[in-house]
PDB file of N, CA and C in Angstrom:
ATOM      1  N   UNK A   1      56.957  66.077 -86.954  1.00  0.00           N
ATOM      2  CA  UNK A   1      56.752  67.137 -87.611  1.00  0.00           C
ATOM      3  C   UNK A   1      58.182  68.318 -87.487  1.00  0.00           C
ATOM      4  N   UNK A   2      58.184  69.077 -88.088  1.00  0.00           N
ATOM      5  CA  UNK A   2      59.457  70.480 -88.390  1.00  0.00           C
ATOM      6  C   UNK A   2      58.588  71.026 -87.377  1.00  0.00           C
ATOM      7  N   UNK A   3      60.237  71.560 -86.590  1.00  0.00           N
ATOM      8  CA  UNK A   3      60.096  72.429 -85.464  1.00  0.00           C
ATOM      9  C   UNK A   3      59.278  73.647 -86.025  1.00  0.00           C
ATOM     10  N   UNK A   4      58.632  75.021 -85.161  1.00  0.00           N
ATOM     11  CA  UNK A   4      57.666  76.070 -85.798  1.00  0.00           C
ATOM     12  C   UNK A   4      58.319  77.004 -85.802  1.00  0.00           C
ATOM     13  N   UNK A   5      58.369  77.599 -87.107  1.00  0.00           N
ATOM     14  CA  UNK A   5      59.022  78.752 -87.048  1.00  0.00           C
ATOM     15  C   UNK A   5      57.789  80.053 -86.622  1.00  0.00           C
ATOM     16  N   UNK A   6      58.655  81.465 -86.700  1.00  0.00           N
ATOM     17  CA  UNK A   6      57.663  82.345 -87.126  1.00  0.00           C
ATOM     18  C   UNK A   6      57.349  82.973 -88.627  1.00  0.00           C
ATOM     19  N   UNK A   7      55.950  82.865 -88.668  1.00  0.00           N
ATOM     20  CA  UNK A   7      55.847  83.516 -89.867  1.00  0.00           C
ATOM     21  C   UNK A   7      55.750  85.271 -90.152  1.00  0.00           C
ATOM     22  N   UNK A   8      55.501  85.534 -88.856  1.00  0.00           N
ATOM     23  CA  UNK A   8      55.472  87.072 -88.462  1.00  0.00           C
ATOM     24  C   UNK A   8      55.785  88.075 -86.756  1.00  0.00           C
ATOM     25  N   UNK A   9      56.328  88.984 -86.690  1.00  0.00           N
ATOM     26  CA  UNK A   9      56.730  89.019 -86.097  1.00  0.00           C
ATOM     27  C   UNK A   9      56.509  90.441 -85.399  1.00  0.00           C
ATOM     28  N   UNK A  10      55.877  91.154 -84.825  1.00  0.00           N
ATOM     29  CA  UNK A  10      55.556  92.629 -84.754  1.00  0.00           C
ATOM     30  C   UNK A  10      55.642  93.167 -82.861  1.00  0.00           C
ATOM     31  N   UNK A  11      56.062  94.084 -82.452  1.00  0.00           N
ATOM     32  CA  UNK A  11      56.144  94.406 -81.324  1.00  0.00           C
ATOM     33  C   UNK A  11      55.084  96.460 -80.754  1.00  0.00           C
ATOM     34  N   UNK A  12      54.548  95.719 -80.320  1.00  0.00           N
ATOM     35  CA  UNK A  12      54.009  96.780 -79.639  1.00  0.00           C
ATOM     36  C   UNK A  12      54.368  97.356 -78.563  1.00  0.00           C
ATOM     37  N   UNK A  13      54.828  98.914 -78.477  1.00  0.00           N
ATOM     38  CA  UNK A  13      55.908  99.334 -77.624  1.00  0.00           C
ATOM     39  C   UNK A  13      55.111 100.146 -76.777  1.00  0.00           C
ATOM     40  N   UNK A  14      53.810 100.714 -77.309  1.00  0.00           N
ATOM     41  CA  UNK A  14      52.378 101.269 -76.839  1.00  0.00           C
ATOM     42  C   UNK A  14      51.727 100.193 -75.857  1.00  0.00           C
ATOM     43  N   UNK A  15      51.313  98.853 -76.188  1.00  0.00           N
ATOM     44  CA  UNK A  15      51.207  97.672 -75.337  1.00  0.00           C
ATOM     45  C   UNK A  15      52.344  96.440 -74.692  1.00  0.00           C
ATOM     46  N   UNK A  16      53.697  97.254 -74.437  1.00  0.00           N
ATOM     47  CA  UNK A  16      54.441  96.466 -73.962  1.00  0.00           C
ATOM     48  C   UNK A  16      54.379  95.048 -74.688  1.00  0.00           C
ATOM     49  N   UNK A  17      53.783  94.732 -75.834  1.00  0.00           N
ATOM     50  CA  UNK A  17      53.967  93.211 -76.052  1.00  0.00           C
ATOM     51  C   UNK A  17      54.786  92.763 -77.522  1.00  0.00           C
ATOM     52  N   UNK A  18      55.548  91.981 -77.770  1.00  0.00           N
ATOM     53  CA  UNK A  18      55.791  91.084 -79.021  1.00  0.00           C
ATOM     54  C   UNK A  18      55.421  90.023 -79.538  1.00  0.00           C
ATOM     55  N   UNK A  19      54.459  90.238 -80.346  1.00  0.00           N
ATOM     56  CA  UNK A  19      53.661  88.750 -80.608  1.00  0.00           C
ATOM     57  C   UNK A  19      54.358  88.179 -82.451  1.00  0.00           C
ATOM     58  N   UNK A  20      54.174  86.840 -81.911  1.00  0.00           N
ATOM     59  CA  UNK A  20      54.789  85.842 -82.974  1.00  0.00           C
ATOM     60  C   UNK A  20      54.011  85.486 -83.344  1.00  0.00           C
ATOM     61  N   UNK A  21      53.434  85.353 -84.914  1.00  0.00           N
ATOM     62  CA  UNK A  21      52.833  84.422 -85.589  1.00  0.00           C
ATOM     63  C   UNK A  21      53.824  82.635 -85.950  1.00  0.00           C
ATOM     64  N   UNK A  22      52.940  81.956 -85.494  1.00  0.00           N
ATOM     65  CA  UNK A  22      53.862  80.838 -85.681  1.00  0.00           C
ATOM     66  C   UNK A  22      53.361  79.831 -87.315  1.00  0.00           C
ATOM     67  N   UNK A  23      53.734  79.504 -87.949  1.00  0.00           N
ATOM     68  CA  UNK A  23      53.615  78.514 -88.967  1.00  0.00           C
ATOM     69  C   UNK A  23      52.822  77.168 -88.581  1.00  0.00           C
ATOM     70  N   UNK A  24      52.259  77.201 -87.591  1.00  0.00           N
ATOM     71  CA  UNK A  24      51.727  75.556 -86.821  1.00  0.00           C
ATOM     72  C   UNK A  24      50.289  76.779 -86.892  1.00  0.00           C
ATOM     73  N   UNK A  25      50.213  78.496 -86.932  1.00  0.00           N
ATOM     74  CA  UNK A  25      48.649  78.925 -86.993  1.00  0.00           C
ATOM     75  C   UNK A  25      48.722  79.098 -85.435  1.00  0.00           C
ATOM     76  N   UNK A  26      49.552  79.023 -84.916  1.00  0.00           N
ATOM     77  CA  UNK A  26      49.440  79.648 -82.905  1.00  0.00           C
ATOM     78  C   UNK A  26      50.094  80.869 -82.990  1.00  0.00           C
ATOM     79  N   UNK A  27      49.239  81.830 -82.162  1.00  0.00           N
ATOM     80  CA  UNK A  27      49.987  83.362 -82.305  1.00  0.00           C
ATOM     81  C   UNK A  27      49.941  83.446 -80.617  1.00  0.00           C
ATOM     82  N   UNK A  28      51.636  83.637 -80.030  1.00  0.00           N
ATOM     83  CA  UNK A  28      52.141  84.314 -79.064  1.00  0.00           C
ATOM     84  C   UNK A  28      52.034  86.062 -78.926  1.00  0.00           C
ATOM     85  N   UNK A  29      51.374  86.451 -78.047  1.00  0.00           N
ATOM     86  CA  UNK A  29      51.874  87.480 -76.945  1.00  0.00           C
ATOM     87  C   UNK A  29      52.750  87.213 -75.668  1.00  0.00           C
ATOM     88  N   UNK A  30      53.780  87.931 -76.338  1.00  0.00           N
ATOM     89  CA  UNK A  30      54.538  87.903 -75.015  1.00  0.00           C
ATOM     90  C   UNK A  30      54.619  89.299 -74.312  1.00  0.00           C
ATOM     91  N   UNK A  31      54.379  88.896 -73.183  1.00  0.00           N
ATOM     92  CA  UNK A  31      54.489  90.551 -72.252  1.00  0.00           C
ATOM     93  C   UNK A  31      55.873  90.775 -72.366  1.00  0.00           C
ATOM     94  N   UNK A  32      56.481  92.202 -72.752  1.00  0.00           N
ATOM     95  CA  UNK A  32      57.974  92.627 -72.529  1.00  0.00           C
ATOM     96  C   UNK A  32      58.779  92.341 -71.800  1.00  0.00           C
ATOM     97  N   UNK A  33      58.141  92.480 -70.752  1.00  0.00           N
ATOM     98  CA  UNK A  33      58.648  92.197 -69.119  1.00  0.00           C
ATOM     99  C   UNK A  33      58.792  90.569 -69.114  1.00  0.00           C
ATOM    100  N   UNK A  34      58.037  89.945 -69.506  1.00  0.00           N
ATOM    101  CA  UNK A  34      58.263  88.503 -69.413  1.00  0.00           C
ATOM    102  C   UNK A  34      59.433  88.021 -70.125  1.00  0.00           C
ATOM    103  N   UNK A  35      59.422  88.863 -71.328  1.00  0.00           N
ATOM    104  CA  UNK A  35      60.403  88.633 -72.139  1.00  0.00           C
ATOM    105  C   UNK A  35      62.106  88.737 -71.775  1.00  0.00           C
ATOM    106  N   UNK A  36      62.046  90.069 -71.068  1.00  0.00           N
ATOM    107  CA  UNK A  36      63.501  90.010 -70.317  1.00  0.00           C
ATOM    108  C   UNK A  36      63.814  89.614 -68.838  1.00  0.00           C
ATOM    109  N   UNK A  37      62.771  89.202 -68.328  1.00  0.00           N
ATOM    110  CA  UNK A  37      62.567  88.092 -67.144  1.00  0.00           C
ATOM    111  C   UNK A  37      63.279  86.680 -67.546  1.00  0.00           C
ATOM    112  N   UNK A  38      62.889  86.850 -68.734  1.00  0.00           N
ATOM    113  CA  UNK A  38      63.550  85.117 -69.386  1.00  0.00           C
ATOM    114  C   UNK A  38      64.225  85.727 -70.300  1.00  0.00           C
ATOM    115  N   UNK A  39      65.378  86.799 -70.226  1.00  0.00           N
ATOM    116  CA  UNK A  39      66.439  86.806 -70.985  1.00  0.00           C
ATOM    117  C   UNK A  39      67.231  85.396 -71.091  1.00  0.00           C
ATOM    118  N   UNK A  40      67.780  84.593 -72.504  1.00  0.00           N
ATOM    119  CA  UNK A  40      68.551  83.797 -71.961  1.00  0.00           C
ATOM    120  C   UNK A  40      69.985  83.432 -71.955  1.00  0.00           C
ATOM    121  N   UNK A  41      70.565  84.995 -72.150  1.00  0.00           N
ATOM    122  CA  UNK A  41      71.787  85.263 -71.831  1.00  0.00           C
ATOM    123  C   UNK A  41      72.718  84.477 -70.664  1.00  0.00           C
ATOM    124  N   UNK A  42      73.651  84.818 -70.542  1.00  0.00           N
ATOM    125  CA  UNK A  42      74.601  83.775 -69.953  1.00  0.00           C
ATOM    126  C   UNK A  42      74.374  84.744 -68.248  1.00  0.00           C
ATOM    127  N   UNK A  43      74.782  86.203 -68.501  1.00  0.00           N
ATOM    128  CA  UNK A  43      74.892  87.059 -67.444  1.00  0.00           C
ATOM    129  C   UNK A  43      73.262  86.914 -66.730  1.00  0.00           C
ATOM    130  N   UNK A  44      72.192  87.067 -67.175  1.00  0.00           N
ATOM    131  CA  UNK A  44      70.748  87.107 -66.720  1.00  0.00           C
ATOM    132  C   UNK A  44      70.363  85.624 -66.005  1.00  0.00           C
ATOM    133  N   UNK A  45      71.370  84.546 -66.757  1.00  0.00           N
ATOM    134  CA  UNK A  45      70.841  83.199 -66.052  1.00  0.00           C
ATOM    135  C   UNK A  45      71.656  82.835 -64.850  1.00  0.00           C
ATOM    136  N   UNK A  46      73.111  83.616 -64.852  1.00  0.00           N
ATOM    137  CA  UNK A  46      73.874  83.333 -63.556  1.00  0.00           C
ATOM    138  C   UNK A  46      74.969  82.615 -64.390  1.00  0.00           C
ATOM    139  N   UNK A  47      75.370  82.645 -65.882  1.00  0.00           N
ATOM    140  CA  UNK A  47      76.459  81.779 -65.617  1.00  0.00           C
ATOM    141  C   UNK A  47      75.898  80.469 -66.609  1.00  0.00           C
ATOM    142  N   UNK A  48      77.097  80.706 -67.728  1.00  0.00           N
ATOM    143  CA  UNK A  48      76.650  79.507 -68.625  1.00  0.00           C
ATOM    144  C   UNK A  48      76.166  77.887 -67.766  1.00  0.00           C
ATOM    145  N   UNK A  49      76.359  77.561 -66.292  1.00  0.00           N
ATOM    146  CA  UNK A  49      75.531  76.417 -66.394  1.00  0.00           C
ATOM    147  C   UNK A  49      74.487  76.384 -65.802  1.00  0.00           C
ATOM    148  N   UNK A  50      73.671  77.655 -66.592  1.00  0.00           N
ATOM    149  CA  UNK A  50      72.608  77.956 -65.521  1.00  0.00           C
ATOM    150  C   UNK A  50      71.745  77.924 -66.999  1.00  0.00           C
ATOM    151  N   UNK A  51      71.997  78.006 -67.799  1.00  0.00           N
ATOM    152  CA  UNK A  51      71.787  78.221 -69.433  1.00  0.00           C
ATOM    153  C   UNK A  51      70.794  76.586 -69.810  1.00  0.00           C
ATOM    154  N   UNK A  52      69.736  77.289 -70.167  1.00  0.00           N
ATOM    155  CA  UNK A  52      68.538  76.029 -70.924  1.00  0.00           C
ATOM    156  C   UNK A  52      68.140  76.251 -71.943  1.00  0.00           C
ATOM    157  N   UNK A  53      67.722  74.804 -72.980  1.00  0.00           N
ATOM    158  CA  UNK A  53      67.390  75.317 -74.000  1.00  0.00           C
ATOM    159  C   UNK A  53      65.639  75.610 -73.704  1.00  0.00           C
ATOM    160  N   UNK A  54      65.003  76.291 -72.504  1.00  0.00           N
ATOM    161  CA  UNK A  54      64.264  76.606 -72.811  1.00  0.00           C
ATOM    162  C   UNK A  54      64.049  76.794 -71.398  1.00  0.00           C
ATOM    163  N   UNK A  55      63.245  78.095 -71.502  1.00  0.00           N
ATOM    164  CA  UNK A  55      63.135  79.209 -69.994  1.00  0.00           C
ATOM    165  C   UNK A  55      62.669  78.202 -68.420  1.00  0.00           C
ATOM    166  N   UNK A  56      62.941  78.556 -67.620  1.00  0.00           N
ATOM    167  CA  UNK A  56      62.738  77.894 -66.289  1.00  0.00           C
ATOM    168  C   UNK A  56      61.544  78.412 -65.919  1.00  0.00           C
ATOM    169  N   UNK A  57      60.807  78.171 -64.958  1.00  0.00           N
ATOM    170  CA  UNK A  57      59.394  77.964 -64.170  1.00  0.00           C
ATOM    171  C   UNK A  57      59.481  79.637 -63.423  1.00  0.00           C
ATOM    172  N   UNK A  58      60.852  80.390 -63.397  1.00  0.00           N
ATOM    173  CA  UNK A  58      61.472  81.494 -62.203  1.00  0.00           C
ATOM    174  C   UNK A  58      60.866  82.769 -63.202  1.00  0.00           C
ATOM    175  N   UNK A  59      60.836  82.255 -64.957  1.00  0.00           N
ATOM    176  CA  UNK A  59      60.985  83.527 -65.314  1.00  0.00           C
ATOM    177  C   UNK A  59      59.196  84.142 -64.835  1.00  0.00           C
ATOM    178  N   UNK A  60      58.213  83.142 -64.455  1.00  0.00           N
ATOM    179  CA  UNK A  60      56.688  83.244 -64.270  1.00  0.00           C
ATOM    180  C   UNK A  60      56.832  84.659 -62.622  1.00  0.00           C
ATOM    181  N   UNK A  61      57.712  84.589 -61.879  1.00  0.00           N
ATOM    182  CA  UNK A  61      57.749  84.759 -60.751  1.00  0.00           C
ATOM    183  C   UNK A  61      58.610  85.924 -60.093  1.00  0.00           C
ATOM    184  N   UNK A  62      60.037  86.220 -61.123  1.00  0.00           N
ATOM    185  CA  UNK A  62      60.810  87.621 -61.061  1.00  0.00           C
ATOM    186  C   UNK A  62      59.940  88.637 -61.012  1.00  0.00           C
ATOM    187  N   UNK A  63      60.507  89.179 -59.779  1.00  0.00           N
ATOM    188  CA  UNK A  63      59.937  90.842 -59.972  1.00  0.00           C
ATOM    189  C   UNK A  63      60.254  91.738 -60.911  1.00  0.00           C
ATOM    190  N   UNK A  64      59.368  92.469 -61.182  1.00  0.00           N
ATOM    191  CA  UNK A  64      58.917  93.156 -63.040  1.00  0.00           C
ATOM    192  C   UNK A  64      60.568  94.228 -63.213  1.00  0.00           C
ATOM    193  N   UNK A  65      61.029  93.995 -63.331  1.00  0.00           N
ATOM    194  CA  UNK A  65      62.315  95.281 -63.842  1.00  0.00           C
ATOM    195  C   UNK A  65      61.453  96.189 -64.256  1.00  0.00           C
ATOM    196  N   UNK A  66      62.714  97.823 -63.321  1.00  0.00           N
ATOM    197  CA  UNK A  66      61.989  99.031 -64.029  1.00  0.00           C
ATOM    198  C   UNK A  66      62.238  99.123 -65.441  1.00  0.00           C
ATOM    199  N   UNK A  67      61.335 100.122 -65.916  1.00  0.00           N
ATOM    200  CA  UNK A  67      60.684 100.307 -66.944  1.00  0.00           C
ATOM    201  C   UNK A  67      61.585 100.531 -68.456  1.00  0.00           C
ATOM    202  N   UNK A  68      62.854 101.332 -67.754  1.00  0.00           N
ATOM    203  CA  UNK A  68      63.731 100.981 -69.475  1.00  0.00           C
ATOM    204  C   UNK A  68      64.361  99.816 -69.534  1.00  0.00           C
ATOM    205  N   UNK A  69      64.371  98.679 -68.421  1.00  0.00           N
ATOM    206  CA  UNK A  69      65.064  97.587 -68.659  1.00  0.00           C
ATOM    207  C   UNK A  69      63.832  96.622 -69.520  1.00  0.00           C
ATOM    208  N   UNK A  70      62.945  97.124 -69.754  1.00  0.00           N
ATOM    209  CA  UNK A  70      61.738  96.352 -70.398  1.00  0.00           C
ATOM    210  C   UNK A  70      61.516  97.262 -71.977  1.00  0.00           C
ATOM    211  N   UNK A  71      61.760  98.468 -71.930  1.00  0.00           N
ATOM    212  CA  UNK A  71      61.266  98.991 -73.253  1.00  0.00           C
ATOM    213  C   UNK A  71      62.207  98.190 -74.288  1.00  0.00           C
ATOM    214  N   UNK A  72      61.441  98.251 -75.099  1.00  0.00           N
ATOM    215  CA  UNK A  72      62.135  97.498 -76.712  1.00  0.00           C
ATOM    216  C   UNK A  72      62.639  98.677 -77.768  1.00  0.00           C
ATOM    217  N   UNK A  73      64.023  98.695 -77.961  1.00  0.00           N
ATOM    218  CA  UNK A  73      64.408  99.573 -78.815  1.00  0.00           C
ATOM    219  C   UNK A  73      64.144  99.294 -80.248  1.00  0.00           C
ATOM    220  N   UNK A  74      64.961  98.083 -79.972  1.00  0.00           N
ATOM    221  CA  UNK A  74      64.904  97.161 -81.647  1.00  0.00           C
ATOM    222  C   UNK A  74      64.879  95.742 -81.532  1.00  0.00           C
ATOM    223  N   UNK A  75      64.630  95.356 -82.271  1.00  0.00           N
ATOM    224  CA  UNK A  75      64.206  93.620 -82.803  1.00  0.00           C
ATOM    225  C   UNK A  75      65.276  93.270 -83.933  1.00  0.00           C
ATOM    226  N   UNK A  76      66.007  92.492 -83.435  1.00  0.00           N
ATOM    227  CA  UNK A  76      67.082  92.105 -84.922  1.00  0.00           C
ATOM    228  C   UNK A  76      67.037  90.625 -85.321  1.00  0.00           C
ATOM    229  N   UNK A  77      67.338  90.670 -86.872  1.00  0.00           N
ATOM    230  CA  UNK A  77      67.296  89.213 -86.709  1.00  0.00           C
ATOM    231  C   UNK A  77      68.332  88.201 -86.649  1.00  0.00           C
ATOM    232  N   UNK A  78      68.884  86.915 -86.020  1.00  0.00           N
ATOM    233  CA  UNK A  78      70.080  86.330 -85.501  1.00  0.00           C
ATOM    234  C   UNK A  78      69.511  85.350 -86.427  1.00  0.00           C
ATOM    235  N   UNK A  79      70.270  85.201 -87.556  1.00  0.00           N
ATOM    236  CA  UNK A  79      70.528  83.903 -88.635  1.00  0.00           C
ATOM    237  C   UNK A  79      68.937  84.079 -89.469  1.00  0.00           C
ATOM    238  N   UNK A  80      69.063  82.886 -89.126  1.00  0.00           N
ATOM    239  CA  UNK A  80      67.212  82.218 -89.712  1.00  0.00           C
ATOM    240  C   UNK A  80      66.718  81.054 -88.554  1.00  0.00           C
ATOM    241  N   UNK A  81      67.274  81.979 -87.124  1.00  0.00           N
ATOM    242  CA  UNK A  81      67.211  80.932 -86.016  1.00  0.00           C
ATOM    243  C   UNK A  81      66.684  82.158 -85.227  1.00  0.00           C
ATOM    244  N   UNK A  82      66.771  82.917 -84.799  1.00  0.00           N
ATOM    245  CA  UNK A  82      66.423  84.020 -83.636  1.00  0.00           C
ATOM    246  C   UNK A  82      66.281  85.053 -83.628  1.00  0.00           C
ATOM    247  N   UNK A  83      66.154  85.908 -82.956  1.00  0.00           N
ATOM    248  CA  UNK A  83      65.639  87.237 -82.672  1.00  0.00           C
ATOM    249  C   UNK A  83      67.156  88.149 -81.343  1.00  0.00           C
ATOM    250  N   UNK A  84      67.401  89.375 -81.356  1.00  0.00           N
ATOM    251  CA  UNK A  84      67.911  89.584 -80.436  1.00  0.00           C
ATOM    252  C   UNK A  84      67.282  90.899 -80.173  1.00  0.00           C
ATOM    253  N   UNK A  85      67.249  90.822 -78.792  1.00  0.00           N
ATOM    254  CA  UNK A  85      65.812  92.203 -78.477  1.00  0.00           C
ATOM    255  C   UNK A  85      66.828  93.322 -77.579  1.00  0.00           C
ATOM    256  N   UNK A  86      67.090  94.192 -78.427  1.00  0.00           N
ATOM    257  CA  UNK A  86      67.639  95.494 -77.604  1.00  0.00           C
ATOM    258  C   UNK A  86      67.054  96.042 -76.583  1.00  0.00           C
ATOM    259  N   UNK A  87      67.300  96.232 -75.487  1.00  0.00           N
ATOM    260  CA  UNK A  87      66.444  96.770 -74.491  1.00  0.00           C
ATOM    261  C   UNK A  87      66.728  98.287 -74.138  1.00  0.00           C
ATOM    262  N   UNK A  88      66.020  99.070 -73.350  1.00  0.00           N
ATOM    263  CA  UNK A  88      66.234 100.440 -73.437  1.00  0.00           C
ATOM    264  C   UNK A  88      67.193 100.424 -72.215  1.00  0.00           C
ATOM    265  N   UNK A  89      67.670  99.501 -71.728  1.00  0.00           N
ATOM    266  CA  UNK A  89      69.087 100.124 -70.814  1.00  0.00           C
ATOM    267  C   UNK A  89      70.310  99.219 -71.359  1.00  0.00           C
ATOM    268  N   UNK A  90      70.324  99.230 -72.745  1.00  0.00           N
ATOM    269  CA  UNK A  90      71.292  99.167 -73.397  1.00  0.00           C
ATOM    270  C   UNK A  90      71.586  97.696 -73.346  1.00  0.00           C
ATOM    271  N   UNK A  91      70.653  96.540 -72.822  1.00  0.00           N
ATOM    272  CA  UNK A  91      71.486  94.722 -72.975  1.00  0.00           C
ATOM    273  C   UNK A  91      70.665  94.710 -73.905  1.00  0.00           C
ATOM    274  N   UNK A  92      71.381  93.663 -74.592  1.00  0.00           N
ATOM    275  CA  UNK A  92      71.735  93.046 -75.882  1.00  0.00           C
ATOM    276  C   UNK A  92      72.149  92.193 -76.003  1.00  0.00           C
ATOM    277  N   UNK A  93      72.716  91.005 -74.835  1.00  0.00           N
ATOM    278  CA  UNK A  93      73.207  90.170 -74.901  1.00  0.00           C
ATOM    279  C   UNK A  93      72.097  88.505 -75.298  1.00  0.00           C
ATOM    280  N   UNK A  94      70.788  88.814 -74.939  1.00  0.00           N
ATOM    281  CA  UNK A  94      70.229  87.558 -75.549  1.00  0.00           C
ATOM    282  C   UNK A  94      69.685  86.981 -76.561  1.00  0.00           C
ATOM    283  N   UNK A  95      70.094  86.094 -77.403  1.00  0.00           N
ATOM    284  CA  UNK A  95      69.863  85.165 -78.053  1.00  0.00           C
ATOM    285  C   UNK A  95      68.527  84.720 -77.945  1.00  0.00           C
ATOM    286  N   UNK A  96      67.128  85.072 -78.501  1.00  0.00           N
ATOM    287  CA  UNK A  96      66.185  84.386 -78.245  1.00  0.00           C
ATOM    288  C   UNK A  96      65.947  83.141 -79.678  1.00  0.00           C
ATOM    289  N   UNK A  97      66.160  81.889 -79.201  1.00  0.00           N
ATOM    290  CA  UNK A  97      66.054  81.649 -80.624  1.00  0.00           C
ATOM    291  C   UNK A  97      64.556  80.603 -80.891  1.00  0.00           C
ATOM    292  N   UNK A  98      63.822  80.790 -82.118  1.00  0.00           N
ATOM    293  CA  UNK A  98      62.376  79.621 -82.353  1.00  0.00           C
ATOM    294  C   UNK A  98      62.226  78.935 -81.029  1.00  0.00           C
ATOM    295  N   UNK A  99      62.910  78.046 -80.929  1.00  0.00           N
ATOM    296  CA  UNK A  99      63.004  77.061 -79.724  1.00  0.00           C
ATOM    297  C   UNK A  99      62.717  77.413 -78.217  1.00  0.00           C
ATOM    298  N   UNK A 100      63.459  78.350 -77.773  1.00  0.00           N
ATOM    299  CA  UNK A 100      62.882  78.974 -76.470  1.00  0.00           C
ATOM    300  C   UNK A 100      61.979  79.583 -76.497  1.00  0.00           C
ATOM    301  N   UNK A 101      61.549  80.511 -77.823  1.00  0.00           N
ATOM    302  CA  UNK A 101      60.356  81.411 -77.502  1.00  0.00           C
ATOM    303  C   UNK A 101      58.901  80.556 -77.747  1.00  0.00           C
ATOM    304  N   UNK A 102      59.141  79.070 -78.699  1.00  0.00           N
ATOM    305  CA  UNK A 102      58.035  78.901 -78.576  1.00  0.00           C
ATOM    306  C   UNK A 102      57.804  78.012 -77.093  1.00  0.00           C
ATOM    307  N   UNK A 103      58.754  77.647 -76.702  1.00  0.00           N
ATOM    308  CA  UNK A 103      58.745  76.961 -75.420  1.00  0.00           C
ATOM    309  C   UNK A 103      57.899  78.268 -74.166  1.00  0.00           C
ATOM    310  N   UNK A 104      57.976  78.986 -74.090  1.00  0.00           N
ATOM    311  CA  UNK A 104      57.728  80.578 -73.262  1.00  0.00           C
ATOM    312  C   UNK A 104      56.164  80.396 -73.782  1.00  0.00           C
ATOM    313  N   UNK A 105      56.168  80.341 -74.741  1.00  0.00           N
ATOM    314  CA  UNK A 105      54.595  80.718 -75.465  1.00  0.00           C
ATOM    315  C   UNK A 105      54.013  79.325 -74.870  1.00  0.00           C
ATOM    316  N   UNK A 106      54.162  78.076 -75.184  1.00  0.00           N
ATOM    317  CA  UNK A 106      53.559  77.219 -74.684  1.00  0.00           C
ATOM    318  C   UNK A 106      53.381  76.878 -72.947  1.00  0.00           C
ATOM    319  N   UNK A 107      54.478  77.313 -72.154  1.00  0.00           N
ATOM    320  CA  UNK A 107      54.500  77.685 -70.997  1.00  0.00           C
ATOM    321  C   UNK A 107      53.680  78.923 -70.309  1.00  0.00           C
ATOM    322  N   UNK A 108      53.397  79.847 -71.312  1.00  0.00           N
ATOM    323  CA  UNK A 108      52.708  81.027 -70.621  1.00  0.00           C
ATOM    324  C   UNK A 108      51.179  80.841 -70.848  1.00  0.00           C
ATOM    325  N   UNK A 109      51.231  79.524 -71.838  1.00  0.00           N
ATOM    326  CA  UNK A 109      49.154  78.641 -71.871  1.00  0.00           C
ATOM    327  C   UNK A 109      49.153  78.381 -70.732  1.00  0.00           C
ATOM    328  N   UNK A 110      49.969  77.220 -70.228  1.00  0.00           N
ATOM    329  CA  UNK A 110      49.961  76.161 -69.147  1.00  0.00           C
ATOM    330  C   UNK A 110      49.766  77.232 -67.861  1.00  0.00           C
ATOM    331  N   UNK A 111      50.295  78.180 -67.687  1.00  0.00           N
ATOM    332  CA  UNK A 111      50.198  79.167 -66.941  1.00  0.00           C
ATOM    333  C   UNK A 111      48.643  79.926 -66.763  1.00  0.00           C
ATOM    334  N   UNK A 112      48.670  80.038 -68.082  1.00  0.00           N
ATOM    335  CA  UNK A 112      47.111  81.464 -67.860  1.00  0.00           C
ATOM    336  C   UNK A 112      45.832  79.897 -67.531  1.00  0.00           C
ATOM    337  N   UNK A 113      46.308  78.416 -67.927  1.00  0.00           N
ATOM    338  CA  UNK A 113      44.842  77.388 -67.632  1.00  0.00           C
ATOM    339  C   UNK A 113      45.283  77.288 -66.303  1.00  0.00           C
ATOM    340  N   UNK A 114      46.162  76.969 -66.200  1.00  0.00           N
ATOM    341  CA  UNK A 114      46.529  76.995 -63.906  1.00  0.00           C
ATOM    342  C   UNK A 114      45.848  77.988 -63.474  1.00  0.00           C
ATOM    343  N   UNK A 115      45.581  78.977 -64.253  1.00  0.00           N
ATOM    344  CA  UNK A 115      45.514  80.340 -63.031  1.00  0.00           C
ATOM    345  C   UNK A 115      44.411  81.032 -63.242  1.00  0.00           C
ATOM    346  N   UNK A 116      43.758  80.223 -64.369  1.00  0.00           N
ATOM    347  CA  UNK A 116      42.037  80.510 -64.674  1.00  0.00           C
ATOM    348  C   UNK A 116      41.164  79.735 -64.182  1.00  0.00           C
TER     349      UNK A 116
END
C-alpha cells in the first residue's frame, strides 16, 4: 500500500486546530498546541541526534507553551511531501512531513483509546 497523503488541510484559528483529511479516508484534527509541542526541528528536539521519523510520546506530556507560540500565522507547502507552520512567536524551523503527521495522528488515536 502507498503511504497516506493529505487530500485537504485546513486551519481553524478560533478552535486552535489543524485538520488533515488523508487519502485513506482518515481525518485527523490536530490541536495546535500539540503540533507545536511535536515540532520536528533540531532546535525543538534538542539536536539532530534526537530527531526521529515519528513523534516521541513526550509530545503528549510537554507543558503547553505560551499562547503566541501556539498561534498559527501561516501554513506553507514544502515541496509535495510536507508543510511548514509559521508560528505566532516567529518559529518556522519545523518541517512536518506526511509520514510524521500521519504517525502523530495514529498516536493521538492511541492516546484517546487508552484514556477513554
